[in-house]
Amino acid sequence: MATEHDPRPALSSTARRTLMGIGALLLMWFLFAWLILDRHVLDAAGESVGTAFALGVVVSLIGALRGSR
């Protein structure tokens, strides 16, 4: 009996830990902005989502530059 392979590549344990750490830092940034800096919940969420988007752009640029060589 043949099984179908998942077309998505598996993440290494290092990549998984890095993503979990970044997610935890983004959550802490949200809580810091909301509770300590006393920003509105939507503003704090926007800051953390914007930071995640900016990190994604930087990682994408680095990957594109490394792949073009």
N, C-alpha and C. Protein backbone atom coordinates (compact mmCIF):
# COMPACT_ATOMS: atom_id res chain seq x y z
N MET A 1 0.84 -1.17 0.00
CA MET A 1 0.00 0.00 0.00
C MET A 1 0.89 1.24 0.00
N ALA A 2 0.78 2.05 -1.02
CA ALA A 2 1.61 3.25 -1.17
C ALA A 2 0.95 4.42 -0.44
N THR A 3 1.78 5.22 0.19
CA THR A 3 1.27 6.42 0.84
C THR A 3 1.72 7.64 0.05
N GLU A 4 0.90 8.66 0.06
CA GLU A 4 1.26 9.87 -0.65
C GLU A 4 2.17 10.71 0.22
N HIS A 5 3.12 11.34 -0.43
CA HIS A 5 4.07 12.19 0.29
C HIS A 5 3.52 13.60 0.39
N ASP A 6 3.82 14.23 1.50
CA ASP A 6 3.41 15.61 1.70
C ASP A 6 4.34 16.50 0.88
N PRO A 7 3.81 17.35 -0.02
CA PRO A 7 4.68 18.17 -0.87
C PRO A 7 5.40 19.29 -0.11
N ARG A 8 4.93 19.59 1.10
CA ARG A 8 5.57 20.64 1.88
C ARG A 8 6.84 20.11 2.54
N PRO A 9 7.95 20.84 2.44
CA PRO A 9 9.16 20.37 3.13
C PRO A 9 9.01 20.53 4.64
N ALA A 10 9.58 19.60 5.37
CA ALA A 10 9.51 19.64 6.84
C ALA A 10 10.51 20.67 7.36
N LEU A 11 10.14 21.34 8.44
CA LEU A 11 11.02 22.31 9.06
C LEU A 11 12.02 21.59 9.95
N SER A 12 13.23 22.09 9.96
CA SER A 12 14.22 21.53 10.86
C SER A 12 13.89 21.97 12.28
N SER A 13 14.49 21.30 13.23
CA SER A 13 14.22 21.65 14.62
C SER A 13 14.75 23.04 14.95
N THR A 14 15.84 23.44 14.31
CA THR A 14 16.38 24.79 14.54
C THR A 14 15.42 25.85 14.00
N ALA A 15 14.88 25.63 12.82
CA ALA A 15 13.94 26.58 12.24
C ALA A 15 12.67 26.65 13.08
N ARG A 16 12.22 25.51 13.57
CA ARG A 16 11.02 25.47 14.40
C ARG A 16 11.22 26.24 15.70
N ARG A 17 12.39 26.05 16.33
CA ARG A 17 12.69 26.78 17.56
C ARG A 17 12.81 28.28 17.31
N THR A 18 13.42 28.64 16.19
CA THR A 18 13.56 30.05 15.85
C THR A 18 12.20 30.70 15.64
N LEU A 19 11.31 30.03 14.92
CA LEU A 19 9.97 30.55 14.71
C LEU A 19 9.18 30.66 16.01
N MET A 20 9.34 29.69 16.88
CA MET A 20 8.66 29.75 18.18
C MET A 20 9.20 30.92 19.01
N GLY A 21 10.50 31.15 18.98
CA GLY A 21 11.10 32.27 19.71
C GLY A 21 10.63 33.61 19.17
N ILE A 22 10.58 33.73 17.84
CA ILE A 22 10.11 34.98 17.24
C ILE A 22 8.64 35.20 17.59
N GLY A 23 7.84 34.15 17.55
CA GLY A 23 6.43 34.27 17.93
C GLY A 23 6.26 34.70 19.37
N ALA A 24 7.09 34.14 20.25
CA ALA A 24 7.03 34.53 21.67
C ALA A 24 7.43 35.99 21.86
N LEU A 25 8.46 36.42 21.14
CA LEU A 25 8.88 37.83 21.24
C LEU A 25 7.81 38.77 20.70
N LEU A 26 7.15 38.39 19.62
CA LEU A 26 6.07 39.23 19.09
C LEU A 26 4.90 39.30 20.07
N LEU A 27 4.59 38.19 20.72
CA LEU A 27 3.54 38.19 21.73
C LEU A 27 3.92 39.07 22.91
N MET A 28 5.18 38.98 23.34
CA MET A 28 5.63 39.84 24.44
C MET A 28 5.61 41.31 24.03
N TRP A 29 5.97 41.60 22.76
CA TRP A 29 5.91 42.99 22.29
C TRP A 29 4.47 43.50 22.32
N PHE A 30 3.52 42.66 21.89
CA PHE A 30 2.11 43.04 21.95
C PHE A 30 1.69 43.34 23.39
N LEU A 31 2.01 42.45 24.31
CA LEU A 31 1.63 42.64 25.71
C LEU A 31 2.31 43.86 26.32
N PHE A 32 3.58 44.09 25.97
CA PHE A 32 4.29 45.25 26.47
C PHE A 32 3.64 46.54 25.98
N ALA A 33 3.33 46.59 24.68
CA ALA A 33 2.73 47.80 24.12
C ALA A 33 1.33 48.03 24.69
N TRP A 34 0.59 46.95 24.91
CA TRP A 34 -0.77 47.08 25.40
C TRP A 34 -0.82 47.41 26.89
N LEU A 35 -0.10 46.66 27.69
CA LEU A 35 -0.23 46.79 29.14
C LEU A 35 0.72 47.82 29.75
N ILE A 36 1.95 47.87 29.30
CA ILE A 36 2.93 48.75 29.91
C ILE A 36 2.89 50.15 29.28
N LEU A 37 2.88 50.21 27.93
CA LEU A 37 2.84 51.50 27.26
C LEU A 37 1.43 52.07 27.17
N ASP A 38 0.44 51.29 27.58
CA ASP A 38 -0.96 51.69 27.64
C ASP A 38 -1.50 52.16 26.29
N ARG A 39 -1.17 51.38 25.26
CA ARG A 39 -1.73 51.65 23.94
C ARG A 39 -3.03 50.89 23.80
N HIS A 40 -3.85 51.31 22.86
CA HIS A 40 -5.10 50.61 22.57
C HIS A 40 -4.77 49.22 22.05
N VAL A 41 -5.67 48.27 22.29
CA VAL A 41 -5.42 46.88 21.90
C VAL A 41 -5.15 46.76 20.41
N LEU A 42 -5.92 47.46 19.59
CA LEU A 42 -5.72 47.37 18.14
C LEU A 42 -4.40 48.01 17.72
N ASP A 43 -3.98 49.07 18.38
CA ASP A 43 -2.69 49.68 18.07
C ASP A 43 -1.55 48.73 18.44
N ALA A 44 -1.66 48.10 19.60
CA ALA A 44 -0.62 47.16 20.02
C ALA A 44 -0.56 45.95 19.08
N ALA A 45 -1.73 45.46 18.67
CA ALA A 45 -1.76 44.34 17.73
C ALA A 45 -1.18 44.76 16.39
N GLY A 46 -1.48 45.97 15.95
CA GLY A 46 -0.93 46.47 14.70
C GLY A 46 0.58 46.59 14.74
N GLU A 47 1.10 47.01 15.88
CA GLU A 47 2.55 47.10 16.02
C GLU A 47 3.20 45.72 15.91
N SER A 48 2.64 44.73 16.57
CA SER A 48 3.25 43.41 16.53
C SER A 48 3.08 42.76 15.15
N VAL A 49 1.94 42.95 14.51
CA VAL A 49 1.73 42.40 13.17
C VAL A 49 2.64 43.11 12.17
N GLY A 50 2.78 44.42 12.31
CA GLY A 50 3.68 45.17 11.43
C GLY A 50 5.12 44.73 11.59
N THR A 51 5.52 44.47 12.82
CA THR A 51 6.87 43.98 13.07
C THR A 51 7.07 42.61 12.44
N ALA A 52 6.07 41.73 12.55
CA ALA A 52 6.16 40.41 11.92
C ALA A 52 6.25 40.54 10.40
N PHE A 53 5.49 41.44 9.82
CA PHE A 53 5.54 41.66 8.38
C PHE A 53 6.91 42.17 7.96
N ALA A 54 7.46 43.12 8.71
CA ALA A 54 8.79 43.65 8.38
C ALA A 54 9.86 42.57 8.49
N LEU A 55 9.77 41.72 9.50
CA LEU A 55 10.72 40.61 9.62
C LEU A 55 10.58 39.65 8.45
N GLY A 56 9.35 39.40 8.01
CA GLY A 56 9.14 38.53 6.86
C GLY A 56 9.73 39.11 5.59
N VAL A 57 9.61 40.42 5.42
CA VAL A 57 10.21 41.06 4.24
C VAL A 57 11.73 40.94 4.28
N VAL A 58 12.32 41.17 5.44
CA VAL A 58 13.77 41.08 5.57
C VAL A 58 14.24 39.65 5.28
N VAL A 59 13.57 38.67 5.84
CA VAL A 59 13.94 37.27 5.60
C VAL A 59 13.77 36.92 4.12
N SER A 60 12.72 37.41 3.49
CA SER A 60 12.50 37.16 2.08
C SER A 60 13.60 37.79 1.22
N LEU A 61 14.01 39.00 1.55
CA LEU A 61 15.08 39.64 0.81
C LEU A 61 16.40 38.90 0.97
N ILE A 62 16.69 38.47 2.18
CA ILE A 62 17.92 37.71 2.40
C ILE A 62 17.88 36.40 1.62
N GLY A 63 16.74 35.72 1.63
CA GLY A 63 16.62 34.48 0.88
C GLY A 63 16.76 34.70 -0.62
N ALA A 64 16.20 35.78 -1.12
CA ALA A 64 16.31 36.08 -2.54
C ALA A 64 17.75 36.40 -2.93
N LEU A 65 18.44 37.16 -2.09
CA LEU A 65 19.83 37.48 -2.39
C LEU A 65 20.72 36.26 -2.31
N ARG A 66 20.47 35.39 -1.35
CA ARG A 66 21.29 34.16 -1.24
C ARG A 66 20.98 33.20 -2.38
N GLY A 67 19.74 33.18 -2.85
CA GLY A 67 19.37 32.26 -3.92
C GLY A 67 19.85 32.71 -5.28
N SER A 68 20.13 34.00 -5.44
CA SER A 68 20.56 34.50 -6.74
C SER A 68 22.04 34.27 -7.00
N ARG A 69 22.76 33.85 -6.00
CA ARG A 69 24.21 33.63 -6.17
C ARG A 69 24.49 32.26 -6.69
